[in-house]
Protein backbone atom coordinates (compact mmCIF):
# COMPACT_ATOMS: atom_id res chain seq x y z
CA MET A 1 162.42 195.53 130.72
CA LYS A 2 159.59 197.91 131.55
CA SER A 3 156.13 196.38 132.11
CA HIS A 4 154.09 198.54 129.67
CA ASN A 5 156.34 197.80 126.66
CA PHE A 6 157.63 194.42 127.75
CA TYR A 7 156.61 192.53 124.53
CA GLN A 8 157.68 195.18 122.18
CA SER A 9 161.25 195.19 123.68
CA LEU A 10 161.60 191.47 123.53
CA PRO A 11 164.55 190.43 121.06
CA ALA A 12 162.97 188.18 118.40
CA PHE A 13 164.46 184.94 117.00
CA LYS A 14 164.16 183.95 113.42
CA GLU A 15 164.47 180.21 113.17
CA PHE A 16 161.55 178.40 114.60
CA ASN A 17 163.57 175.54 116.16
CA GLU A 18 165.15 177.94 118.34
CA PHE A 19 161.92 177.82 120.68
CA ILE A 20 164.03 175.40 122.61
CA VAL A 21 166.80 177.93 123.52
CA GLU A 22 166.44 179.21 127.00
CA LYS A 23 168.08 182.61 126.47
CA HIS A 24 165.08 183.67 124.20
CA PHE A 25 162.56 183.46 127.22
CA PHE A 26 161.75 186.24 129.63
CA ARG A 27 159.49 186.11 132.59
CA VAL A 28 156.17 187.91 132.01
CA PRO A 29 155.54 190.80 134.36
CA GLU A 30 153.34 190.34 137.32
CA ASP A 31 151.13 193.20 136.27
CA TRP A 32 150.01 191.27 133.26
CA SER A 33 146.91 188.92 132.76
CA ILE A 34 146.34 185.89 130.66
CA ILE A 35 143.13 185.70 128.83
CA ILE A 36 141.65 182.41 127.61
CA THR A 37 138.85 181.99 125.05
CA ASP A 38 137.26 178.89 123.57
CA ILE A 39 134.09 177.40 122.42
CA LYS A 40 132.14 175.35 124.81
CA GLY A 41 130.92 172.18 123.22
CA SER A 42 133.10 172.46 120.35
CA THR A 43 133.24 168.73 120.04
CA LYS A 44 129.67 168.67 119.27
CA ALA A 45 129.87 171.62 116.90
CA ILE A 46 132.63 169.90 114.99
CA ALA A 47 130.47 166.65 114.63
CA GLU A 48 127.70 168.77 113.19
CA GLY A 49 130.15 170.03 110.46
CA ARG A 50 130.40 173.50 112.05
CA TYR A 51 134.30 173.65 112.51
CA LYS A 52 134.76 176.51 110.14
CA GLU A 53 132.60 178.68 112.44
CA VAL A 54 134.31 177.46 115.57
CA ASN A 55 137.60 178.18 113.88
CA THR A 56 136.46 181.72 112.86
CA LEU A 57 135.40 182.70 116.44
CA GLY A 58 138.71 181.48 117.71
CA ALA A 59 140.53 183.88 115.27
CA ALA A 60 137.90 186.61 115.97
CA SER A 61 139.00 186.67 119.66
CA ILE A 62 142.53 187.97 118.51
CA VAL A 63 140.80 190.44 116.24
CA VAL A 64 138.66 192.13 118.64
CA ALA A 65 141.41 192.03 121.32
CA ARG A 66 143.80 193.83 118.79
CA LYS A 67 141.18 196.56 118.47
CA ALA A 68 141.39 197.15 122.29
CA MET A 69 145.11 197.19 122.44
CA GLU A 70 144.81 200.23 120.01
CA GLN A 71 147.39 198.91 117.49
CA GLU A 72 149.90 198.06 120.33
CA ASP A 73 151.38 194.58 119.53
CA PHE A 74 150.69 191.78 122.00
CA PRO A 75 151.35 188.05 122.49
CA PHE A 76 148.68 185.53 121.44
CA ILE A 77 148.39 181.91 120.38
CA PHE A 78 145.60 180.77 118.09
CA GLY A 79 144.43 177.39 119.17
CA GLY A 80 141.73 176.43 116.76
CA ASP A 81 138.63 176.65 118.84
CA GLY A 82 139.90 179.68 120.91
CA ALA A 83 143.02 181.57 121.78
CA THR A 84 145.32 182.32 124.52
CA MET A 85 146.40 186.07 124.94
CA LEU A 86 148.55 187.93 127.14
CA VAL A 87 147.91 191.65 128.02
CA PRO A 88 149.23 194.32 130.53
CA ASP A 89 146.72 194.85 133.20
CA HIS A 90 145.92 198.48 132.19
CA ARG A 91 144.71 197.05 128.83
CA ALA A 92 142.78 194.00 130.23
CA GLU A 93 139.40 195.73 130.91
CA GLY A 94 139.10 196.99 127.17
CA VAL A 95 140.04 193.60 125.78
CA ILE A 96 137.45 191.76 127.95
CA ASN A 97 134.82 194.22 127.05
CA ASN A 98 135.42 193.57 123.46
CA LEU A 99 135.51 189.80 124.05
CA CYS A 100 132.08 190.07 125.72
CA GLY A 101 130.95 191.81 122.60
CA LEU A 102 132.13 188.88 120.62
CA LYS A 103 130.55 186.43 123.18
CA ALA A 104 127.17 188.16 122.47
CA LEU A 105 127.90 187.94 118.62
CA ALA A 106 128.58 184.23 118.96
CA ILE A 107 125.56 183.38 120.64
CA ASN A 108 123.26 185.64 118.48
CA ASN A 109 124.74 184.88 115.09
CA TYR A 110 126.50 181.64 115.39
CA GLU A 111 124.47 179.85 118.32
CA LEU A 112 127.92 178.97 119.89
CA ASP A 113 128.90 179.86 123.46
CA LEU A 114 132.27 181.52 123.60
CA ARG A 115 134.01 181.04 126.99
CA VAL A 116 135.97 184.06 128.15
CA GLY A 117 138.36 183.65 131.12
CA LEU A 118 140.92 185.82 132.90
CA ILE A 119 143.88 184.91 135.26
CA ARG A 120 146.22 187.47 136.57
CA VAL A 121 149.90 186.43 136.11
CA SER A 122 150.65 187.55 139.61
CA GLU A 123 148.11 185.03 140.87
CA LEU A 124 149.97 182.18 138.96
CA TYR A 125 153.21 183.25 140.51
CA LYS A 126 151.77 183.02 143.93
CA MET A 127 150.91 179.38 143.05
CA ASP A 128 154.69 178.91 141.95
CA LYS A 129 153.78 178.58 138.48
CA ILE A 130 156.07 179.75 135.57
CA VAL A 131 155.05 181.85 132.52
CA LEU A 132 157.90 182.68 130.24
CA LEU A 133 157.49 184.60 126.88
CA ALA A 134 159.58 184.71 123.59
CA LYS A 135 158.95 186.24 120.39
CA TYR A 136 159.43 184.65 116.95
CA GLU A 137 159.73 186.72 113.63
CA ILE A 138 157.76 184.49 111.18
CA THR A 139 158.55 187.16 108.39
CA LYS A 140 160.07 190.66 108.40
CA GLY A 141 157.90 192.79 110.55
CA LYS A 142 155.50 190.08 111.74
CA PHE A 143 155.85 188.33 115.16
CA VAL A 144 154.20 185.61 116.86
CA ALA A 145 154.38 184.70 120.55
CA VAL A 146 156.12 181.62 122.02
CA LEU A 147 154.96 180.74 125.50
CA LYS A 148 156.59 178.38 128.13
CA GLY A 149 155.96 177.32 131.56
CA ASP A 150 153.21 175.42 133.68
CA GLY A 151 151.37 178.73 134.26
CA ILE A 152 149.81 178.43 130.83
CA SER A 153 148.06 175.08 131.42
CA MET A 154 147.21 176.16 134.84
CA ALA A 155 145.34 179.30 133.58
CA GLU A 156 143.34 177.21 131.21
CA LYS A 157 142.54 174.56 133.85
CA LEU A 158 141.37 177.47 136.27
CA VAL A 159 139.26 178.99 133.75
CA LYS A 160 137.39 175.75 132.94
CA ASP A 161 137.30 174.18 136.57
CA SER A 162 136.39 177.38 138.60
CA PRO A 163 134.22 179.41 136.05
CA GLU A 164 132.42 181.28 138.97
CA ARG A 165 135.86 183.02 139.80
CA TYR A 166 137.83 183.18 136.57
CA GLU A 167 135.09 183.12 133.63
CA ILE A 168 133.66 186.64 132.61
CA ALA A 169 129.92 186.90 132.50
CA ALA A 170 128.26 188.25 129.24
CA ARG A 171 127.86 191.96 129.06
CA PRO A 172 124.55 192.95 127.00
CA ASP A 173 125.91 196.39 126.11
CA ALA A 174 129.38 195.27 124.76
CA ASP A 175 130.12 195.41 121.09
CA ALA A 176 132.48 193.46 118.83
CA ASP A 177 134.42 195.09 115.78
CA LEU A 178 135.56 192.24 113.35
CA ASP A 179 136.96 194.55 110.72
CA GLY A 180 140.04 192.98 109.15
CA LEU A 181 138.69 189.39 109.90
CA SER A 182 138.43 187.46 106.56
CA CYS A 183 137.48 183.81 105.95
CA ARG A 184 136.93 183.97 102.13
CA TRP A 185 139.07 181.16 101.07
CA LYS A 186 137.66 177.64 100.47
CA PRO A 187 139.47 174.74 102.36
CA ILE A 188 142.94 174.31 100.92
CA PRO A 189 143.67 170.86 99.43
CA SER A 190 146.93 169.07 100.31
CA LYS A 191 149.39 168.74 97.42
CA ARG A 192 151.75 166.23 99.17
CA GLY A 193 148.87 163.75 100.33
CA ARG A 194 147.33 164.58 103.64
CA ILE A 195 147.19 167.38 106.19
CA LEU A 196 148.53 166.29 109.54
CA THR A 197 147.68 168.24 112.85
CA MET A 198 150.12 167.58 115.55
CA LEU A 199 150.05 168.43 119.18
CA ILE A 200 153.20 167.34 121.28
CA GLN A 201 153.94 167.86 124.99
CA ALA A 202 157.03 166.73 126.69
CA ARG A 203 156.75 164.92 129.94
CA GLU A 204 160.29 165.97 131.21
CA ASN A 205 163.53 167.12 129.82
CA GLU A 206 161.67 169.36 127.49
CA ASN A 207 164.50 170.96 125.54
CA GLN A 208 165.90 167.52 124.91
CA VAL A 209 162.58 165.78 123.97
CA TYR A 210 161.62 168.62 121.63
CA GLY A 211 165.17 168.91 120.21
CA GLU A 212 165.15 165.09 119.38
CA PHE A 213 161.70 165.33 117.68
CA LEU A 214 162.83 168.33 115.56
CA LYS A 215 165.84 166.53 114.53
CA LYS A 216 163.73 163.50 113.55
CA LEU A 217 161.33 165.68 111.69
CA SER A 218 164.11 167.22 109.69
CA GLU A 219 165.01 163.70 108.62
CA ILE A 220 161.46 162.98 107.72
CA LEU A 221 160.94 166.27 105.88
CA PRO A 222 164.33 166.65 104.23
CA ASP A 223 163.00 169.99 102.36
CA GLY A 224 162.43 171.53 105.54
CA LEU A 225 159.29 172.75 107.50
CA GLU A 226 158.51 175.57 105.32
CA ALA A 227 157.97 172.99 102.28
CA SER A 228 155.28 171.32 104.28
CA ASN A 229 153.51 174.63 105.01
CA PRO A 230 149.82 173.90 104.15
CA ALA A 231 149.05 177.30 102.91
CA ASN A 232 149.28 175.99 99.31
CA ILE A 233 148.78 179.35 97.28
CA GLU A 234 148.53 177.51 93.88
CA LYS A 235 145.63 175.40 95.21
CA MET A 236 143.77 178.24 96.95
CA THR A 237 140.24 179.40 95.62
CA TYR A 238 137.94 182.08 96.80
CA HIS A 239 134.44 181.48 97.89
CA SER A 240 131.65 182.54 95.66
CA PHE A 241 130.30 186.08 96.14
CA ALA A 242 126.97 184.69 97.92
CA ASP A 243 128.94 182.59 100.36
CA CYS A 244 131.33 185.62 101.12
CA ILE A 245 128.40 187.74 101.91
CA ARG A 246 126.70 185.00 104.09
CA GLY A 247 129.94 184.67 106.01
CA GLU A 248 130.34 188.54 106.40
CA ARG A 249 126.77 188.83 107.57
CA LYS A 250 127.59 186.90 110.88
CA TYR A 251 130.41 189.38 111.67
CA HIS A 252 127.89 192.15 112.21
CA ALA A 253 125.14 192.55 114.84
CA SER A 254 122.99 194.15 112.02
CA ILE A 255 123.47 194.62 108.25
CA ILE A 256 121.77 197.93 108.46
CA ASN A 257 125.04 199.90 108.90
CA LEU A 258 127.66 201.75 106.84
CA LYS A 259 130.37 199.14 107.75
CA PHE A 260 128.34 196.37 106.21
CA ILE A 261 127.57 198.16 103.12
CA LEU A 262 131.22 198.98 102.60
CA LYS A 263 132.26 195.49 103.14
CA PHE A 264 129.49 194.41 100.60
CA ILE A 265 131.13 196.54 97.94
CA GLN A 266 134.70 195.35 99.14
CA ILE A 267 133.72 191.68 98.66
CA ALA A 268 132.19 192.28 95.29
CA VAL A 269 135.39 193.62 94.09
CA SER A 270 137.50 190.93 95.85
CA VAL A 271 135.55 188.25 94.32
CA LEU A 272 135.62 189.71 90.81
CA VAL A 273 139.51 190.03 91.08
CA PHE A 274 140.38 186.78 92.95
CA ARG A 275 138.09 184.53 90.89
CA LEU A 276 137.50 186.11 87.50
CA GLY A 277 140.05 189.01 86.83
CA THR A 278 143.61 189.41 86.30
CA LYS A 279 145.33 190.45 89.54
CA PRO A 280 147.23 193.70 89.74
CA ILE A 281 151.00 193.17 90.97
CA PHE A 282 150.31 194.41 94.40
CA LEU A 283 147.64 191.78 95.04
CA LYS A 284 149.96 189.17 93.43
CA LYS A 285 152.68 189.88 95.95
CA TYR A 286 149.93 189.83 98.87
CA GLU A 287 148.93 186.45 97.74
CA VAL A 288 152.31 184.97 97.72
CA SER A 289 153.15 186.62 101.09
CA MET A 290 150.13 184.79 102.74
CA ARG A 291 152.38 181.57 102.82
CA THR A 292 155.15 183.55 104.84
CA HIS A 293 152.71 185.19 107.03
CA SER A 294 151.03 181.90 108.20
CA ASP A 295 151.27 180.46 111.68
CA PHE A 296 151.30 176.76 110.73
CA ARG A 297 153.86 176.04 113.60
CA LYS A 298 153.72 177.54 117.08
CA PHE A 299 154.63 176.70 120.68
CA ASP A 300 152.76 177.40 123.87
CA ASP A 301 154.24 174.75 126.29
CA VAL A 302 152.67 172.45 123.61
CA LEU A 303 154.08 172.09 120.09
CA ARG A 304 151.53 172.71 117.68
CA MET A 305 151.83 172.12 113.83
CA VAL A 306 149.69 171.68 110.87
CA LEU A 307 151.79 170.08 108.02
CA ASP A 308 151.16 169.07 104.52
CA CYS A 309 152.73 165.50 104.22
CA SER A 310 152.94 162.29 102.14
CA ASP A 311 151.44 159.23 103.60
CA THR A 312 154.90 157.69 104.30
CA GLN A 313 156.01 160.83 106.25
CA ILE A 314 153.02 160.68 108.25
CA GLN A 315 153.49 157.10 109.12
CA GLN A 316 157.15 157.86 109.94
CA ILE A 317 155.84 160.53 112.31
CA LYS A 318 153.41 158.33 113.89
CA SER A 319 155.99 155.68 114.50
CA TYR A 320 158.50 157.98 116.13
CA LEU A 321 155.83 159.53 118.42
CA GLU A 322 154.21 156.23 119.47
CA LYS A 323 157.65 154.97 120.50
CA ALA A 324 158.45 158.23 122.37
CA TYR A 325 155.04 158.08 124.21
CA SER A 326 155.76 154.34 125.17
CA ASP A 327 159.01 155.43 126.45
CA LYS A 328 157.31 158.11 128.49
CA GLU A 329 158.90 161.01 126.93
CA LEU A 330 155.95 162.74 125.69
CA PHE A 331 152.14 162.91 125.08
CA TYR A 332 150.89 163.68 121.56
CA GLY A 333 147.62 164.09 119.55
CA LEU A 334 147.29 163.54 115.90
CA PHE A 335 144.49 164.28 113.22
CA GLU A 336 144.49 163.72 109.54
CA THR A 337 142.42 165.18 106.99
CA ASP A 338 142.45 166.27 103.29
CA ASN A 339 142.33 170.04 103.49
CA SER A 340 143.73 172.91 105.88
CA LEU A 341 141.69 175.95 106.73
CA MET A 342 142.97 179.59 106.57
CA THR A 343 141.49 182.36 108.52
CA CYS A 344 143.04 185.97 107.68
CA PHE A 345 143.47 188.92 109.80
CA VAL A 346 144.50 191.59 107.42
CA GLU A 347 145.21 195.11 108.58
CA GLY A 348 147.12 196.06 105.29
CA LEU A 349 148.42 194.28 102.41
CA ASN A 350 152.08 195.24 103.11
CA GLN A 351 154.91 193.21 104.56
CA GLY A 352 153.98 192.51 108.25
CA GLU A 353 150.49 193.91 108.05
CA HIS A 354 148.55 190.64 108.00
CA ILE A 355 148.71 187.18 109.51
CA HIS A 356 146.97 183.95 108.36
CA PHE A 357 145.71 181.45 111.07
CA ILE A 358 146.18 177.85 109.91
CA ASP A 359 144.32 174.86 111.14
CA ALA A 360 143.12 171.71 109.38
CA ASP A 361 139.65 171.05 108.25
CA ASN A 362 137.06 168.84 110.13
CA GLY A 363 138.46 169.53 113.55
CA GLY A 364 142.12 170.01 113.33
CA TYR A 365 143.63 171.18 116.56
CA ALA A 366 140.42 170.46 118.60
CA MET A 367 140.33 166.69 117.46
CA ALA A 368 144.12 166.24 117.96
CA ALA A 369 143.61 167.67 121.53
CA LEU A 370 141.21 164.89 122.25
CA GLN A 371 143.96 162.23 121.82
CA LEU A 372 146.56 164.25 123.63
CA LYS A 373 144.21 164.73 126.74
CA SER A 374 143.37 160.96 126.50
CA GLN A 375 146.99 160.04 126.93
CA MET A 376 147.54 162.54 129.71
CA LYS A 377 144.52 161.16 131.70
CA GLU A 378 145.57 157.73 131.15
CA ALA A 379 149.00 158.37 132.58
CA LYS A 380 147.36 160.12 135.50
CA ASN A 381 145.33 157.15 136.33
CA THR A 382 148.26 154.71 136.18
């Protein structure tokens, strides 16, 4: 495969459980880079009740990167308080510049510090690390990346441990265009009992460990993963006009511009339609499709899921993971709450033109990561 259209040329698989099938994965070209973003001090921000803002900036990383890619599809994983993105080197400078604009916006409008780091894939290969990529079609025409290999965790470690070399400094003149980012839905209540966030990392025999867990999960969730998708459309409600405007205001360096005025009008119409009016057929179709366009399960060398489960199902999942952890098969992190969060990136209302990032309220992935990291640290010290 040629480097410049490597991701576009990848064959896609359509069943999520196939992420354990080796033939779907291909070696990422050397002339690509891994870009890591995350919010510094996110644990403190979550404790202050600001996880929605943290979550928004994590999704915004992908939105501004997309603008620099000039509509060229690229692999990314949304991680709650940030994102992991892979881009060809000839696009990296544009993506970094846009992310630096977002970094400035995060400081000025959110008082949050967005870390932006870059590692060249060729450098990871010189360390004998592995970076493999596959493509999962979540619905017709919309794909999400699936990443595999120890190069992913190494990239994150290098950015955090060696910021002087790998972290990108702020650029005062950079700008961020968040057009298409939408966070207008209130937290979505569980309809089955609780929202469970899971992070699972196999210690060895990866395909076997993940395969056995997926088999057990299918027994615990007999209706299938899709039935536990937390994007419960019938329970979703739009924020008020005032709340939508307050959120939109933070997407702009200044409200004295045409883009904000147009967004003001768009929000007024959207609130009227979604909260008060009768929806036209095309909006009803879009609303239903949000469920199939959501990324509630993903894999980037860590299995990440946000599921709507009953208390009994959660207990069964916990029991299985605790035993697997005791048997030194895997590490895991769990977090429970009542609601999920949906952050939307909408380039159009048609099939394949939008994606909806799913996380759990009150910390979600970020809080589950604390338990996962604690287990890994404990194992390293014993």
